[in-house]
Each structure stands twice: as structure tokens, then as C-alpha cells.
Protein backbone atom coordinates (compact mmCIF):
# COMPACT_ATOMS: atom_id res chain seq x y z
CA MET A 1 -0.40 -0.24 -0.04
CA TYR A 2 1.33 3.32 -0.94
CA SER A 3 1.74 6.58 1.64
CA ILE A 4 3.04 9.80 1.05
CA LYS A 5 5.72 10.95 4.22
CA ASN A 6 7.36 14.70 4.11
CA HIS A 7 6.34 14.63 0.35
CA ARG A 8 8.25 10.90 -0.72
CA LEU A 9 6.34 7.76 -1.64
CA HIS A 10 6.35 4.90 0.41
CA TYR A 11 5.21 1.66 0.15
CA ASN A 12 4.46 -0.66 2.93
CA ASN A 13 5.92 2.10 5.17
CA ASN A 14 8.89 2.20 3.41
CA PRO A 15 9.89 4.89 1.18
CA VAL A 16 10.60 3.72 -2.57
CA ALA A 17 13.85 4.03 -4.01
CA TYR A 18 15.30 7.31 -4.28
CA GLU A 19 18.19 9.11 -7.27
CA ARG A 20 18.14 12.66 -7.06
CA THR A 21 17.37 14.26 -9.87
CA PRO A 22 19.53 17.69 -10.14
CA ASN A 23 16.89 19.27 -12.58
CA SER A 24 14.98 20.74 -10.40
CA SER A 25 14.52 24.14 -8.82
CA GLY A 26 12.32 25.58 -5.79
CA THR A 27 8.94 24.05 -4.50
CA ILE A 28 5.13 23.78 -5.58
CA GLU A 29 2.14 22.92 -4.44
CA PRO A 30 1.00 20.84 -6.96
CA ASP A 31 -2.92 20.73 -8.75
CA TRP A 32 -2.61 18.28 -10.94
CA LEU A 33 -0.75 15.13 -12.31
CA VAL A 34 0.76 14.75 -15.98
CA MET A 35 1.80 11.21 -17.22
CA HIS A 36 4.60 10.67 -19.46
CA TYR A 37 6.68 8.40 -21.52
CA THR A 38 10.13 7.60 -21.47
CA ALA A 39 10.69 6.56 -24.98
CA SER A 40 13.06 3.89 -23.85
CA GLY A 41 12.38 0.87 -22.70
CA ASN A 42 15.46 0.99 -20.18
CA TYR A 43 13.98 1.48 -16.50
CA THR A 44 17.80 2.15 -15.31
CA SER A 45 19.16 4.36 -18.10
CA VAL A 46 16.06 6.23 -18.28
CA ILE A 47 16.92 6.95 -14.16
CA ARG A 48 20.07 7.49 -15.07
CA TRP A 49 19.70 10.19 -17.80
CA LEU A 50 17.03 11.58 -15.61
CA THR A 51 19.49 12.65 -12.70
CA ASN A 52 22.00 13.62 -15.23
CA SER A 53 22.56 17.76 -15.46
CA GLN A 54 22.93 17.72 -19.03
CA ALA A 55 19.14 16.29 -19.44
CA ARG A 56 18.06 19.39 -18.13
CA ALA A 57 14.71 17.57 -17.64
CA SER A 58 13.22 15.18 -15.28
CA ALA A 59 10.33 14.09 -13.38
CA HIS A 60 8.96 12.94 -10.09
CA LEU A 61 8.62 9.40 -10.39
CA VAL A 62 10.12 6.61 -13.06
CA ILE A 63 7.60 3.57 -12.88
CA GLY A 64 9.20 0.29 -14.53
CA TYR A 65 7.43 -2.19 -16.93
CA ASP A 66 7.00 -4.16 -13.91
CA GLY A 67 5.92 -1.78 -11.56
CA ALA A 68 9.13 -0.89 -10.21
CA VAL A 69 9.06 2.77 -8.76
CA THR A 70 12.12 5.45 -8.18
CA GLN A 71 11.15 8.88 -7.04
CA LEU A 72 13.40 11.43 -8.29
CA ALA A 73 12.69 14.82 -6.15
CA PRO A 74 9.84 15.14 -3.75
CA PHE A 75 6.58 16.07 -4.36
CA ASN A 76 6.88 19.06 -3.42
CA ILE A 77 9.78 20.51 -6.02
CA LYS A 78 9.14 21.47 -9.24
CA THR A 79 10.81 19.03 -11.77
CA TRP A 80 11.40 19.56 -15.71
CA HIS A 81 9.23 17.54 -16.93
CA ALA A 82 6.07 19.74 -18.68
CA GLY A 83 8.30 22.39 -20.76
CA GLN A 84 6.49 24.73 -22.90
CA SER A 85 2.65 23.66 -21.30
CA PHE A 86 -0.73 25.41 -21.25
CA TRP A 87 -3.87 23.87 -19.80
CA LYS A 88 -7.58 24.97 -18.39
CA GLY A 89 -5.80 28.66 -18.25
CA LYS A 90 -2.16 28.10 -17.04
CA SER A 91 0.59 28.20 -18.69
CA GLY A 92 4.36 26.57 -17.88
CA LEU A 93 3.35 23.72 -16.05
CA ASN A 94 6.03 22.52 -14.33
CA SER A 95 5.19 24.96 -11.49
CA ASN A 96 1.90 23.31 -10.44
CA THR A 97 1.90 19.84 -11.71
CA ILE A 98 3.74 16.39 -10.45
CA GLY A 99 5.56 14.28 -13.36
CA ILE A 100 5.07 10.23 -13.63
CA GLU A 101 7.52 8.73 -16.11
CA LEU A 102 6.20 5.61 -17.82
CA VAL A 103 8.49 3.43 -19.04
CA ASN A 104 7.63 2.84 -22.41
CA LYS A 105 8.99 3.13 -25.96
CA GLY A 106 6.27 5.44 -27.29
CA TYR A 107 6.54 4.67 -31.12
CA ALA A 108 10.01 3.68 -31.22
CA VAL A 109 8.61 0.02 -30.58
CA ALA A 110 10.56 -2.72 -31.93
CA ALA A 111 8.90 -5.50 -33.73
CA GLU A 112 8.95 -8.02 -31.25
CA ASP A 113 6.98 -5.83 -28.68
CA GLU A 114 3.44 -5.82 -27.82
CA SER A 115 1.93 -2.69 -29.52
CA ILE A 116 -1.10 -1.05 -31.29
CA ARG A 117 -1.12 0.59 -34.75
CA ALA A 118 -3.22 4.13 -34.35
CA LYS A 119 -2.87 6.88 -35.54
CA HIS A 120 -2.47 9.87 -32.39
CA ARG A 121 -5.30 12.42 -31.92
CA ASN A 122 -3.15 15.49 -32.24
CA GLY A 123 -2.22 14.00 -35.58
CA GLY A 124 0.92 12.49 -37.37
CA PRO A 125 0.99 8.83 -39.53
CA THR A 126 -0.78 5.94 -38.42
CA ARG A 127 2.14 4.01 -36.43
CA ASN A 128 2.82 1.24 -33.86
CA TRP A 129 2.83 2.14 -30.04
CA GLN A 130 4.44 -0.10 -27.55
CA VAL A 131 1.30 -1.13 -25.04
CA TYR A 132 1.48 -0.44 -21.23
CA PRO A 133 1.79 -3.92 -19.07
CA GLU A 134 -0.86 -4.23 -16.68
CA ALA A 135 1.53 -4.40 -13.46
CA GLN A 136 2.60 -1.48 -14.78
CA LEU A 137 -0.55 1.11 -15.11
CA GLU A 138 -1.94 -0.46 -11.76
CA VAL A 139 0.83 0.22 -9.82
CA ALA A 140 0.88 4.26 -11.53
CA LEU A 141 -2.97 3.98 -10.68
CA GLU A 142 -2.56 3.18 -7.03
CA ILE A 143 -0.13 5.96 -6.76
CA ALA A 144 -2.29 8.61 -8.56
CA VAL A 145 -5.20 8.16 -6.34
CA THR A 146 -2.58 8.36 -3.32
CA LEU A 147 -1.22 11.41 -4.85
CA ARG A 148 -4.77 12.76 -5.67
CA ASP A 149 -5.69 12.19 -1.85
CA LYS A 150 -2.75 13.89 -0.15
CA TYR A 151 -2.28 16.49 -2.89
CA GLU A 152 -6.36 17.30 -3.33
CA LEU A 153 -5.51 17.03 -7.31
CA THR A 154 -7.93 17.65 -9.75
CA GLU A 155 -6.98 16.74 -12.89
CA VAL A 156 -4.53 14.45 -14.80
CA VAL A 157 -3.55 14.70 -17.97
CA GLY A 158 -1.12 13.24 -20.95
CA HIS A 159 1.55 15.53 -21.28
CA ASP A 160 0.07 15.32 -24.98
CA ASP A 161 -2.60 17.46 -23.41
CA ILE A 162 -0.48 20.25 -22.57
CA SER A 163 1.98 20.20 -25.36
CA PRO A 164 0.09 19.35 -28.05
CA GLY A 165 2.08 18.82 -31.60
CA ARG A 166 5.32 18.99 -29.19
CA LYS A 167 4.72 16.16 -27.58
CA SER A 168 3.24 12.64 -28.11
CA ASP A 169 2.99 11.33 -24.90
CA PRO A 170 1.89 8.65 -23.00
CA GLY A 171 0.28 8.64 -26.67
CA PRO A 172 -2.74 6.56 -27.84
CA ALA A 173 -1.35 3.28 -26.65
CA PHE A 174 -2.24 4.64 -22.83
CA ASP A 175 -6.52 4.69 -22.02
CA MET A 176 -6.37 8.16 -20.45
CA ARG A 177 -9.86 8.26 -20.10
CA HIS A 178 -10.39 4.43 -18.40
CA PHE A 179 -7.30 6.24 -16.28
CA ARG A 180 -8.79 9.56 -15.32
CA GLY A 181 -11.99 7.94 -14.47
CA ARG A 182 -10.43 5.59 -12.35
CA MET A 183 -8.35 7.71 -10.27
CA PHE A 184 -11.37 10.30 -9.47
CA GLY A 185 -13.33 7.55 -8.52
CA ARG A 186 -15.53 6.73 -11.66
CA GLU A 187 -15.24 3.06 -13.61
CA SER A 188 -14.03 5.09 -17.01
CA ASP A 189 -15.09 8.88 -18.29
CA ASP A 190 -17.49 9.23 -21.22
CA SER A 191 -14.59 11.91 -23.22
CA PRO A 192 -10.58 11.79 -23.29
CA PHE A 193 -11.30 15.44 -21.36
CA ASP A 194 -13.17 17.00 -18.26
CA LEU A 195 -15.60 18.90 -20.09
CA ASP A 196 -17.98 19.68 -17.36
CA ILE A 197 -15.64 22.83 -17.47
CA SER A 198 -16.95 24.16 -20.52
CA GLU A 199 -18.84 27.40 -21.45
CA GLY A 200 -21.93 25.03 -22.98
CA THR A 201 -22.08 24.62 -26.89
CA ALA A 202 -21.45 26.60 -30.00
CA ILE A 203 -22.18 26.76 -33.59
CA VAL A 204 -19.82 27.63 -36.44
CA ASP A 205 -20.85 30.70 -38.36
CA THR A 206 -18.40 31.89 -41.33
CA GLY A 207 -20.18 34.29 -42.44
CA GLY A 208 -21.17 32.27 -45.69
CA ILE A 209 -17.60 31.84 -46.71
CA ASP A 210 -16.89 28.56 -48.71
CA ASP A 211 -13.54 27.76 -46.55
CA PRO A 212 -14.24 25.77 -43.64
CA LEU A 213 -13.33 26.63 -39.98
CA ASN A 214 -9.21 26.23 -39.18
CA MET A 215 -9.49 25.06 -35.44
CA ARG A 216 -5.62 25.36 -34.33
CA LEU A 217 -3.13 23.35 -31.77
CA TRP A 218 -2.51 27.06 -30.00
CA PRO A 219 -4.65 30.39 -30.01
CA SER A 220 -2.10 31.68 -33.24
CA LEU A 221 -2.69 31.97 -36.70
CA GLU A 222 0.80 30.48 -37.12
CA SER A 223 -0.05 27.26 -35.21
CA ALA A 224 -0.77 24.10 -36.73
CA ILE A 225 -4.00 23.51 -38.23
CA VAL A 226 -5.22 20.62 -36.74
CA GLU A 227 -9.09 20.60 -37.84
CA LYS A 228 -10.97 22.20 -40.81
CA ILE A 229 -15.02 22.38 -39.08
CA PRO A 230 -17.32 22.69 -41.90
CA ASP A 231 -20.42 26.06 -41.38
CA GLY A 232 -23.04 25.03 -39.45
CA THR A 233 -21.31 22.14 -37.14
CA LYS A 234 -21.69 21.98 -33.35
CA VAL A 235 -18.94 22.31 -30.99
CA ILE A 236 -18.29 22.10 -27.76
CA LEU A 237 -17.00 25.43 -25.84
CA ILE A 238 -14.33 24.77 -23.69
CA ARG A 239 -13.47 28.60 -23.09
CA LYS A 240 -14.22 31.70 -24.62
CA ASN A 241 -11.64 34.67 -25.10
CA PRO A 242 -9.68 33.72 -21.85
CA GLY A 243 -7.01 36.26 -20.66
CA GLN A 244 -4.50 37.22 -22.92
CA HIS A 245 -6.30 35.07 -25.91
CA SER A 246 -9.01 37.53 -26.14
CA HIS A 247 -10.12 36.85 -29.83
CA TRP A 248 -9.66 33.21 -29.31
CA SER A 249 -12.18 30.08 -28.30
CA GLU A 250 -10.90 26.51 -26.86
CA ILE A 251 -13.36 24.23 -28.24
CA PHE A 252 -13.81 20.46 -28.02
CA TYR A 253 -14.49 18.76 -31.66
CA ASN A 254 -14.11 15.63 -33.34
CA ASN A 255 -12.06 14.06 -30.47
CA GLN A 256 -9.29 16.52 -30.10
CA ILE A 257 -8.95 20.33 -28.32
CA GLY A 258 -8.19 23.18 -30.42
CA TRP A 259 -8.54 26.84 -30.40
CA VAL A 260 -10.81 29.04 -33.34
CA VAL A 261 -10.80 32.34 -33.70
CA THR A 262 -14.25 33.56 -31.63
CA ARG A 263 -15.76 35.64 -34.33
CA TYR A 264 -16.74 32.83 -36.00
CA LEU A 265 -18.71 31.01 -33.41
CA VAL A 266 -22.52 31.80 -32.21
CA ASP A 267 -24.48 30.44 -29.46
CA GLY A 268 -25.64 27.25 -30.11
């Protein structure tokens, strides 16, 4: 059974393996959990790299295929796992999140490894993605629930949620809907995102122009287009004109989250 004492993870009242990372700075009060994959299948080498100052990257925990756990920093210390990131009106998410690295090769999967063939919901080609073993997922879930209870976490996301287009982990082989649902006491979520934060729905209205509405990864005309939404389509409105993005709205459409220019939306 997992527990947390002085921001250190324990199992059956004994601290888990600990290897201090130098890639950390300052203290945090965590709100959310971020899941990653390591893009490597070697538990030992991952820990060695994330505790090397040259990596300029780290996380709070690494979980191996068999459920082995190593902690790299106390949970109230900022680790460098999120990088450039944005979610629910906050950016620079190293400052309010706990990061867990799951040993997994991602789409660098070898032929002999168990994998699924899928396209990432953020775009890109159809690829083989390494499957996460059940032992690893069960340990990750138990730890996630322990973290939720200790720090009153309100969200779990993937690196690919908070840095879409830049990061692909934990990828389509990780069932975030199921993981999030179980972490927060539900059997499974109905969608890959918690849409109870939404402001309702909206309808795309391009004013009669021929082109569909471009949905972009980020609130910028220079950002990549992830979907083209036909005129008259109903979408879920997550946030309208938030903060510095006063002419943009964040929406959910076709199993993806993205941004559109607000003037092309009407109440729906």
C-alpha cells in the first residue's frame, strides 16, 4: 500500500527507491498530475539520464514495466517535465504539476514488443505504439490515487494534452479516459477530456465564406491546423476569450481540443 510522508512516496511504510535529480528548482503546491512515457525501454538508463544535469529534464517518479518505482524528487519540488505547456488557463506547468514517467518506447517500438497500431489524436501518421503492461498501469493508478488524496489533485493529463504537437506521450496506447475515471472514482470517463468545465456549446458560423473554420493547436494564426470544421457544425465551447487570448476560443471537436477565432462562433 502506498503512502506519502514528507513528500516522499512509501510502500508498506518503507520509502521507495530514491535517486535525486539535479534537474529541479524551487517548491510547488501541485494541482494536477501529468503522465509521460520515457521513449526508452530501459528502466535503469532512464533514471541515469533523468538524474544527469545534462538532460535538463526530470520528473518526480519513474515506473518500470514490472511496477518498480524510483522517486527523483519530493512532490513539493518543481521538476522539469512539462516544458512549454498550457492547460485550463495556466501555462508553464512545471510550477503546479507532478510528473510521472512510465517506461515505454512510445512509437519507437521494436517488432518483438507488444504494440497497437494507431494514429495519434493530435495528428501524424499511423504508427505502432508500445502497449503498457497491466502491472505498470495498476501501480501507476494506485500511486495516482494516493497523490490525489494527499495533494487534492483535480486533474490528470498527458504531456500530449498540455503540449499538443510538440509531445506525443503517453500516446494512444495509454487509455487516459479509463485512467482518469478510475483515479477520480469513476469506472471510466465518457470523453478523453473533463468537459464539465465547458461553457456549453457553440455553432460555427463563417458568415457565408466557402472555406471551413480552421481549428488550431494553439491560439495563433501561425499555429498548426488540426481540423477544418464545416459551417454550421456544433462544437463544445470550453473557454471563450480567456485572458491574453481575447479573440480566441478553446473548443472540443472530433475528439480533439483546439482553438478557433471567436467571431466565427455563435451561441448554440
